[in-house]
Amino acid sequence: MQLKRFENAAEFYEQVKPFLVAHEAEHNVLLGICSALIQTDIYEAPPYMAYVEHDGEIVAVAMRTPPYNLVLSDMADDSPIATLVQNTYATYPDLKGIVGLKAISKTFAQTWKAITGQDYRLNIEERLYRLQKVNPVHQVSGEYRAAIEADREILVQWFIDFSVEALDGMSREDAERQFNVRLTSDPLQRGLRVWCDRGKPVSFAGYGGQTPHGIRIGPVYTPPELRGHGYASACVAALSQELLDAGRKFVSLFTDLSNPTSNHIYQTIGYEPVCYVDEYRFEAVS
């Protein structure tokens, strides 16, 4: 096993693209990171871009844009994992977590503990979905539109509320940055849409992370007091159709398995399960 690191995102993408695109939906996060890095050189710290090859063939890919988790590709078996763990630990001894397909992420976490002595815990269990044809959502009050500057105050707060509910929380500065990026980017690459009822936003859905043939929806959020009216279903269905109409062959999204409601409504819209993805967190050695 030989690990190769890259500093230039375009050069890295040229090497790993055939491997990643062979399972494009499963690798939508890695492909999306590559796309974002090629489009901009602005990031908090230099990214980690690596692949492992065996007998001249790529067998695993891993990427990280600090301070976020390490993201792992699919692998035919777990033979590249020890090599990845050793290099990752040498680079990021304080790494907080990893994301990958269920079996791969667990083996990585176990190997990380064996090499570093740091314990691990399963933080989030997700399911990846893919859609190629929308089942329209009817009889939901309201209308769909792009987010506008006038939505800033409410949507920034919703970014914060979503992150508290689904992730680890987000500062107002980070939420403002998320809103700004999605409002000002090329709409073919990323954006933000809202569902409005009686003239007021009641749900929102973002999108980004483009791949050669697809794009990913997320986050999706409706405030608790406005749930149960079909707003999120209508917003995601409309956005999914917009993205397909723009030329995407498929749209993907992740759901938290602990939320049966979201898993149900997305399947009703036409999203089909692809695979399971887990996030593991590493605990500092006491």
Foldseek 3Di string as FASTA:
>chain_A
DDKDWDQQLVVLCVVCVVVCVVPVQQCLQVQLVSVVVNVDVDAPDRKTWMFDDDPRHTFWIWIDRPPDAIEIGDGPDQVCLLVVLVVVCVVCVPHWWYKHFDVNRVVNQVSNCVVNVWHKDWDFKKFKWKFQDWDADDDFAFDKDFDDPVCQVVQLVQVQVCCVVPHPGDDSVVSSVVQVCQPPDDVLAKHKMFTDHPRHGFKIKIWHSDHPQETEIDDIDGPPVSPDRCRSLNHVSVVQVVNVVVGHRMYMYMDTPVDVVVVVSVVVGGIDTDGMMTMMTIHDDD
